[in-house]
């Protein structure tokens, strides 16, 4: 693990959140990872340890469009919601992954809500 204080702080927050947030097959966990350039989201069933659906800003249809990182995050949320609907999932639990619920993380949540996911 890195000794950078920001990374250590985020990891501790992440562990604290994961102790409380558990996804199941009916209500999977929507996990978010944010890098400096891209953003990734996945629906995870913690009971079996499998990823049900995933979307990211590097997918061809999203990367080809121009726009800010926040606009692309909304597109990622909508794409994930479409995949979830095709699997029959309508509810999920949001896992912000130690990031503040602000900016791109909030944009993914808003896009997923627009796409039809409830949380």
Protein backbone atom coordinates (compact mmCIF):
# COMPACT_ATOMS: atom_id res chain seq x y z
CA UNK A 1 0.00 0.00 0.00
CA UNK A 2 1.20 3.50 -0.77
CA UNK A 3 2.45 5.75 2.00
CA UNK A 4 0.93 8.84 0.43
CA UNK A 5 -1.37 10.30 3.12
CA UNK A 6 -4.18 10.98 0.63
CA UNK A 7 -4.16 7.37 -0.57
CA UNK A 8 -4.03 6.00 2.98
CA UNK A 9 -6.94 8.23 4.05
CA UNK A 10 -9.07 7.18 1.08
CA UNK A 11 -8.31 3.51 1.71
CA UNK A 12 -9.42 3.81 5.35
CA UNK A 13 -12.63 5.52 4.25
CA UNK A 14 -13.16 2.81 1.64
CA UNK A 15 -12.80 0.04 4.23
CA UNK A 16 -15.24 1.80 6.55
CA UNK A 17 -17.83 2.13 3.77
CA UNK A 18 -17.36 -1.49 2.65
CA UNK A 19 -18.03 -2.72 6.18
CA UNK A 20 -21.55 -1.30 5.91
CA UNK A 21 -22.39 -1.66 2.20
CA UNK A 22 -23.06 -5.19 0.96
CA UNK A 23 -24.53 -6.06 -2.43
CA UNK A 24 -26.71 -9.05 -3.25
CA UNK A 25 -28.04 -10.48 -6.50
CA UNK A 26 -31.30 -8.52 -6.14
CA UNK A 27 -29.63 -5.28 -4.98
CA UNK A 28 -26.00 -5.26 -6.18
CA UNK A 29 -23.39 -2.77 -5.06
CA UNK A 30 -22.61 0.01 -7.55
CA UNK A 31 -18.87 0.48 -7.06
CA UNK A 32 -17.06 3.53 -8.45
CA UNK A 33 -13.36 3.96 -9.22
CA UNK A 34 -12.07 7.33 -10.35
CA UNK A 35 -8.69 7.90 -11.94
CA UNK A 36 -7.36 11.25 -13.09
CA UNK A 37 -8.46 10.65 -16.67
CA UNK A 38 -11.20 8.00 -16.64
CA UNK A 39 -13.99 6.68 -14.43
CA UNK A 40 -15.18 3.11 -13.96
CA UNK A 41 -18.37 1.67 -12.42
CA UNK A 42 -19.53 -1.87 -11.82
CA UNK A 43 -22.47 -3.69 -10.27
CA UNK A 44 -21.14 -6.33 -7.87
CA UNK A 45 -22.88 -9.24 -6.15
CA UNK A 46 -20.87 -9.65 -2.93
CA UNK A 47 -22.57 -12.93 -2.01
CA UNK A 48 -20.92 -14.72 -4.94
CA UNK A 49 -18.12 -12.22 -5.57
CA UNK A 50 -19.07 -11.63 -9.21
CA UNK A 51 -19.41 -8.53 -11.33
CA UNK A 52 -22.86 -8.41 -12.92
CA UNK A 53 -22.30 -5.42 -15.22
CA UNK A 54 -19.67 -2.77 -15.78
CA UNK A 55 -19.18 0.45 -17.71
CA UNK A 56 -16.35 2.94 -18.03
CA UNK A 57 -15.37 6.09 -19.86
CA UNK A 58 -12.97 4.13 -22.10
CA UNK A 59 -15.80 2.27 -23.87
CA UNK A 60 -15.78 3.11 -27.57
CA UNK A 61 -19.19 4.78 -27.71
CA UNK A 62 -18.41 7.02 -24.71
CA UNK A 63 -14.76 7.78 -25.53
CA UNK A 64 -15.69 8.79 -29.08
CA UNK A 65 -17.97 11.58 -27.84
CA UNK A 66 -16.54 14.92 -26.91
CA UNK A 67 -17.34 16.52 -23.61
CA UNK A 68 -16.07 17.12 -20.12
CA UNK A 69 -15.20 14.35 -17.68
CA UNK A 70 -18.43 15.05 -15.78
CA UNK A 71 -20.53 14.67 -18.96
CA UNK A 72 -18.79 11.39 -19.72
CA UNK A 73 -19.45 10.23 -16.15
CA UNK A 74 -23.17 10.79 -16.69
CA UNK A 75 -22.94 8.70 -19.86
CA UNK A 76 -21.18 5.92 -17.90
CA UNK A 77 -24.00 5.94 -15.34
CA UNK A 78 -26.64 5.70 -18.07
CA UNK A 79 -24.78 2.89 -19.83
CA UNK A 80 -24.52 0.93 -16.59
CA UNK A 81 -28.23 1.44 -15.90
CA UNK A 82 -29.10 0.08 -19.36
CA UNK A 83 -26.99 -3.03 -18.74
CA UNK A 84 -28.60 -3.48 -15.32
CA UNK A 85 -32.09 -3.22 -16.79
CA UNK A 86 -31.27 -5.89 -19.35
CA UNK A 87 -30.26 -8.15 -16.42
CA UNK A 88 -33.50 -7.36 -14.58
CA UNK A 89 -31.85 -5.29 -11.84
CA UNK A 90 -33.71 -2.13 -10.81
CA UNK A 91 -32.31 -1.42 -7.34
CA UNK A 92 -28.72 -1.10 -6.19
CA UNK A 93 -26.62 0.20 -3.31
CA UNK A 94 -24.18 3.01 -4.09
CA UNK A 95 -20.54 2.57 -3.00
CA UNK A 96 -18.62 5.81 -3.51
CA UNK A 97 -15.31 4.04 -2.88
CA UNK A 98 -13.89 6.56 -0.42
CA UNK A 99 -14.38 9.51 -2.77
CA UNK A 100 -16.50 12.51 -1.86
CA UNK A 101 -20.04 12.41 -3.25
CA UNK A 102 -19.29 15.32 -5.54
CA UNK A 103 -18.33 15.99 -9.14
CA UNK A 104 -17.76 12.88 -11.26
CA UNK A 105 -18.88 10.45 -8.55
CA UNK A 106 -22.18 12.31 -8.18
CA UNK A 107 -22.49 12.47 -11.98
CA UNK A 108 -22.34 8.66 -12.23
CA UNK A 109 -25.08 8.39 -9.60
CA UNK A 110 -27.23 10.96 -11.42
CA UNK A 111 -26.73 9.19 -14.76
CA UNK A 112 -27.67 5.83 -13.23
CA UNK A 113 -30.81 7.37 -11.75
CA UNK A 114 -31.72 8.89 -15.12
CA UNK A 115 -31.21 5.46 -16.67
CA UNK A 116 -33.70 3.91 -14.26
CA UNK A 117 -31.70 2.52 -11.32
CA UNK A 118 -33.05 3.19 -7.82
CA UNK A 119 -30.84 3.65 -4.78
